[in-house]
C-alpha cells in the first residue's frame, strides 16, 4: 500500500481510510494496472 499510494505508514491510518485505500489498490490490481498478479478470494 505504501508503495502504490505513497502512504509511508499505512498501519497508522484510521480503519475507514485504510479500507478505502485497500479498495483502491484492489481495483487497480483487478484492472491490471499494477505489476502484480491478482487473485480474488471469496
PDB file of N, CA and C in Angstrom:
ATOM      1  N   UNK A   1       0.833  -1.189   0.000  1.00  0.00           N
ATOM      2  CA  UNK A   1       0.000   0.000   0.000  1.00  0.00           C
ATOM      3  C   UNK A   1       0.872   1.244   0.000  1.00  0.00           C
ATOM      4  N   UNK A   2       1.915   1.251   0.797  1.00  0.00           N
ATOM      5  CA  UNK A   2       2.758   2.439   0.864  1.00  0.00           C
ATOM      6  C   UNK A   2       3.446   2.693  -0.474  1.00  0.00           C
ATOM      7  N   UNK A   3       3.808   1.637  -1.190  1.00  0.00           N
ATOM      8  CA  UNK A   3       4.482   1.799  -2.471  1.00  0.00           C
ATOM      9  C   UNK A   3       3.536   2.345  -3.532  1.00  0.00           C
ATOM     10  N   UNK A   4       2.338   1.784  -3.641  1.00  0.00           N
ATOM     11  CA  UNK A   4       1.418   2.160  -4.713  1.00  0.00           C
ATOM     12  C   UNK A   4       0.718   3.488  -4.476  1.00  0.00           C
ATOM     13  N   UNK A   5       0.439   3.835  -3.240  1.00  0.00           N
ATOM     14  CA  UNK A   5      -0.306   5.066  -2.966  1.00  0.00           C
ATOM     15  C   UNK A   5       0.528   6.142  -2.291  1.00  0.00           C
ATOM     16  N   UNK A   6       1.787   5.869  -2.043  1.00  0.00           N
ATOM     17  CA  UNK A   6       2.653   6.874  -1.442  1.00  0.00           C
ATOM     18  C   UNK A   6       2.318   7.187   0.004  1.00  0.00           C
ATOM     19  N   UNK A   7       1.812   6.196   0.727  1.00  0.00           N
ATOM     20  CA  UNK A   7       1.494   6.365   2.143  1.00  0.00           C
ATOM     21  C   UNK A   7       2.611   5.689   2.930  1.00  0.00           C
ATOM     22  N   UNK A   8       3.453   6.461   3.630  1.00  0.00           N
ATOM     23  CA  UNK A   8       4.620   5.866   4.278  1.00  0.00           C
ATOM     24  C   UNK A   8       4.293   4.883   5.402  1.00  0.00           C
ATOM     25  N   UNK A   9       3.244   5.120   6.160  1.00  0.00           N
ATOM     26  CA  UNK A   9       2.889   4.235   7.274  1.00  0.00           C
ATOM     27  C   UNK A   9       1.393   3.920   7.225  1.00  0.00           C
ATOM     28  N   UNK A  10       0.970   3.029   6.325  1.00  0.00           N
ATOM     29  CA  UNK A  10      -0.460   2.754   6.191  1.00  0.00           C
ATOM     30  C   UNK A  10      -1.082   2.161   7.455  1.00  0.00           C
ATOM     31  N   UNK A  11      -0.266   1.512   8.290  1.00  0.00           N
ATOM     32  CA  UNK A  11      -0.813   0.934   9.521  1.00  0.00           C
ATOM     33  C   UNK A  11      -1.263   2.005  10.500  1.00  0.00           C
ATOM     34  N   UNK A  12      -0.875   3.254  10.278  1.00  0.00           N
ATOM     35  CA  UNK A  12      -1.283   4.345  11.161  1.00  0.00           C
ATOM     36  C   UNK A  12      -2.566   5.033  10.696  1.00  0.00           C
ATOM     37  N   UNK A  13      -3.100   4.620   9.553  1.00  0.00           N
ATOM     38  CA  UNK A  13      -4.339   5.222   9.061  1.00  0.00           C
ATOM     39  C   UNK A  13      -5.523   4.755   9.902  1.00  0.00           C
ATOM     40  N   UNK A  14      -6.560   5.582  10.014  1.00  0.00           N
ATOM     41  CA  UNK A  14      -7.791   5.115  10.649  1.00  0.00           C
ATOM     42  C   UNK A  14      -8.380   3.962   9.826  1.00  0.00           C
ATOM     43  N   UNK A  15      -9.138   3.105  10.469  1.00  0.00           N
ATOM     44  CA  UNK A  15      -9.665   1.912   9.802  1.00  0.00           C
ATOM     45  C   UNK A  15     -10.469   2.234   8.551  1.00  0.00           C
ATOM     46  N   UNK A  16     -11.334   3.251   8.603  1.00  0.00           N
ATOM     47  CA  UNK A  16     -12.169   3.546   7.441  1.00  0.00           C
ATOM     48  C   UNK A  16     -11.342   4.034   6.252  1.00  0.00           C
ATOM     49  N   UNK A  17     -10.308   4.809   6.498  1.00  0.00           N
ATOM     50  CA  UNK A  17      -9.426   5.272   5.422  1.00  0.00           C
ATOM     51  C   UNK A  17      -8.618   4.095   4.868  1.00  0.00           C
ATOM     52  N   UNK A  18      -8.149   3.227   5.757  1.00  0.00           N
ATOM     53  CA  UNK A  18      -7.366   2.067   5.337  1.00  0.00           C
ATOM     54  C   UNK A  18      -8.182   1.173   4.411  1.00  0.00           C
ATOM     55  N   UNK A  19      -9.446   0.955   4.750  1.00  0.00           N
ATOM     56  CA  UNK A  19     -10.317   0.116   3.923  1.00  0.00           C
ATOM     57  C   UNK A  19     -10.531   0.755   2.554  1.00  0.00           C
ATOM     58  N   UNK A  20     -10.704   2.072   2.504  1.00  0.00           N
ATOM     59  CA  UNK A  20     -10.872   2.762   1.222  1.00  0.00           C
ATOM     60  C   UNK A  20      -9.614   2.630   0.363  1.00  0.00           C
ATOM     61  N   UNK A  21      -8.452   2.772   0.966  1.00  0.00           N
ATOM     62  CA  UNK A  21      -7.198   2.650   0.222  1.00  0.00           C
ATOM     63  C   UNK A  21      -6.997   1.226  -0.272  1.00  0.00           C
ATOM     64  N   UNK A  22      -7.361   0.242   0.539  1.00  0.00           N
ATOM     65  CA  UNK A  22      -7.265  -1.146   0.113  1.00  0.00           C
ATOM     66  C   UNK A  22      -8.191  -1.406  -1.071  1.00  0.00           C
ATOM     67  N   UNK A  23      -9.385  -0.836  -1.050  1.00  0.00           N
ATOM     68  CA  UNK A  23     -10.316  -0.982  -2.168  1.00  0.00           C
ATOM     69  C   UNK A  23      -9.735  -0.361  -3.439  1.00  0.00           C
ATOM     70  N   UNK A  24      -9.058   0.764  -3.306  1.00  0.00           N
ATOM     71  CA  UNK A  24      -8.434   1.401  -4.466  1.00  0.00           C
ATOM     72  C   UNK A  24      -7.346   0.506  -5.057  1.00  0.00           C
ATOM     73  N   UNK A  25      -6.526  -0.068  -4.198  1.00  0.00           N
ATOM     74  CA  UNK A  25      -5.456  -0.944  -4.674  1.00  0.00           C
ATOM     75  C   UNK A  25      -6.042  -2.200  -5.306  1.00  0.00           C
ATOM     76  N   UNK A  26      -7.092  -2.741  -4.714  1.00  0.00           N
ATOM     77  CA  UNK A  26      -7.748  -3.921  -5.271  1.00  0.00           C
ATOM     78  C   UNK A  26      -8.281  -3.620  -6.659  1.00  0.00           C
ATOM     79  N   UNK A  27      -8.916  -2.472  -6.831  1.00  0.00           N
ATOM     80  CA  UNK A  27      -9.449  -2.089  -8.137  1.00  0.00           C
ATOM     81  C   UNK A  27      -8.322  -1.951  -9.155  1.00  0.00           C
ATOM     82  N   UNK A  28      -7.237  -1.291  -8.764  1.00  0.00           N
ATOM     83  CA  UNK A  28      -6.099  -1.138  -9.672  1.00  0.00           C
ATOM     84  C   UNK A  28      -5.549  -2.500 -10.087  1.00  0.00           C
ATOM     85  N   UNK A  29      -5.463  -3.424  -9.146  1.00  0.00           N
ATOM     86  CA  UNK A  29      -4.956  -4.764  -9.444  1.00  0.00           C
ATOM     87  C   UNK A  29      -5.907  -5.511 -10.373  1.00  0.00           C
ATOM     88  N   UNK A  30      -7.215  -5.393 -10.139  1.00  0.00           N
ATOM     89  CA  UNK A  30      -8.200  -6.054 -10.999  1.00  0.00           C
ATOM     90  C   UNK A  30      -8.138  -5.526 -12.428  1.00  0.00           C
ATOM     91  N   UNK A  31      -7.822  -4.260 -12.588  1.00  0.00           N
ATOM     92  CA  UNK A  31      -7.739  -3.649 -13.911  1.00  0.00           C
ATOM     93  C   UNK A  31      -6.413  -3.960 -14.604  1.00  0.00           C
ATOM     94  N   UNK A  32      -5.496  -4.586 -13.896  1.00  0.00           N
ATOM     95  CA  UNK A  32      -4.202  -4.927 -14.457  1.00  0.00           C
ATOM     96  C   UNK A  32      -3.233  -3.760 -14.502  1.00  0.00           C
ATOM     97  N   UNK A  33      -3.474  -2.750 -13.693  1.00  0.00           N
ATOM     98  CA  UNK A  33      -2.634  -1.559 -13.709  1.00  0.00           C
ATOM     99  C   UNK A  33      -1.430  -1.652 -12.777  1.00  0.00           C
ATOM    100  N   UNK A  34      -1.358  -2.699 -11.989  1.00  0.00           N
ATOM    101  CA  UNK A  34      -0.221  -2.904 -11.094  1.00  0.00           C
ATOM    102  C   UNK A  34       0.621  -4.053 -11.635  1.00  0.00           C
ATOM    103  N   UNK A  35       1.867  -4.067 -11.303  1.00  0.00           N
ATOM    104  CA  UNK A  35       2.751  -5.139 -11.763  1.00  0.00           C
ATOM    105  C   UNK A  35       2.698  -6.326 -10.815  1.00  0.00           C
ATOM    106  N   UNK A  36       1.492  -6.715 -10.435  1.00  0.00           N
ATOM    107  CA  UNK A  36       1.307  -7.864  -9.553  1.00  0.00           C
ATOM    108  C   UNK A  36       0.194  -8.734 -10.105  1.00  0.00           C
ATOM    109  N   UNK A  37       0.200  -9.988  -9.721  1.00  0.00           N
ATOM    110  CA  UNK A  37      -0.904 -10.867 -10.072  1.00  0.00           C
ATOM    111  C   UNK A  37      -1.978 -10.716  -9.012  1.00  0.00           C
ATOM    112  N   UNK A  38      -3.218 -10.750  -9.437  1.00  0.00           N
ATOM    113  CA  UNK A  38      -4.332 -10.570  -8.511  1.00  0.00           C
ATOM    114  C   UNK A  38      -5.234 -11.782  -8.573  1.00  0.00           C
ATOM    115  N   UNK A  39      -5.466 -12.382  -7.426  1.00  0.00           N
ATOM    116  CA  UNK A  39      -6.404 -13.493  -7.312  1.00  0.00           C
ATOM    117  C   UNK A  39      -7.439 -13.115  -6.279  1.00  0.00           C
ATOM    118  N   UNK A  40      -8.692 -13.115  -6.689  1.00  0.00           N
ATOM    119  CA  UNK A  40      -9.761 -12.725  -5.778  1.00  0.00           C
ATOM    120  C   UNK A  40     -10.208 -13.941  -4.975  1.00  0.00           C
ATOM    121  N   UNK A  41     -10.103 -13.835  -3.658  1.00  0.00           N
ATOM    122  CA  UNK A  41     -10.579 -14.886  -2.757  1.00  0.00           C
ATOM    123  C   UNK A  41     -11.940 -14.490  -2.238  1.00  0.00           C
ATOM    124  N   UNK A  42     -12.847 -15.427  -2.271  1.00  0.00           N
ATOM    125  CA  UNK A  42     -14.201 -15.094  -1.820  1.00  0.00           C
ATOM    126  C   UNK A  42     -14.554 -15.771  -0.545  1.00  0.00           C
TER     127      UNK A  42
END
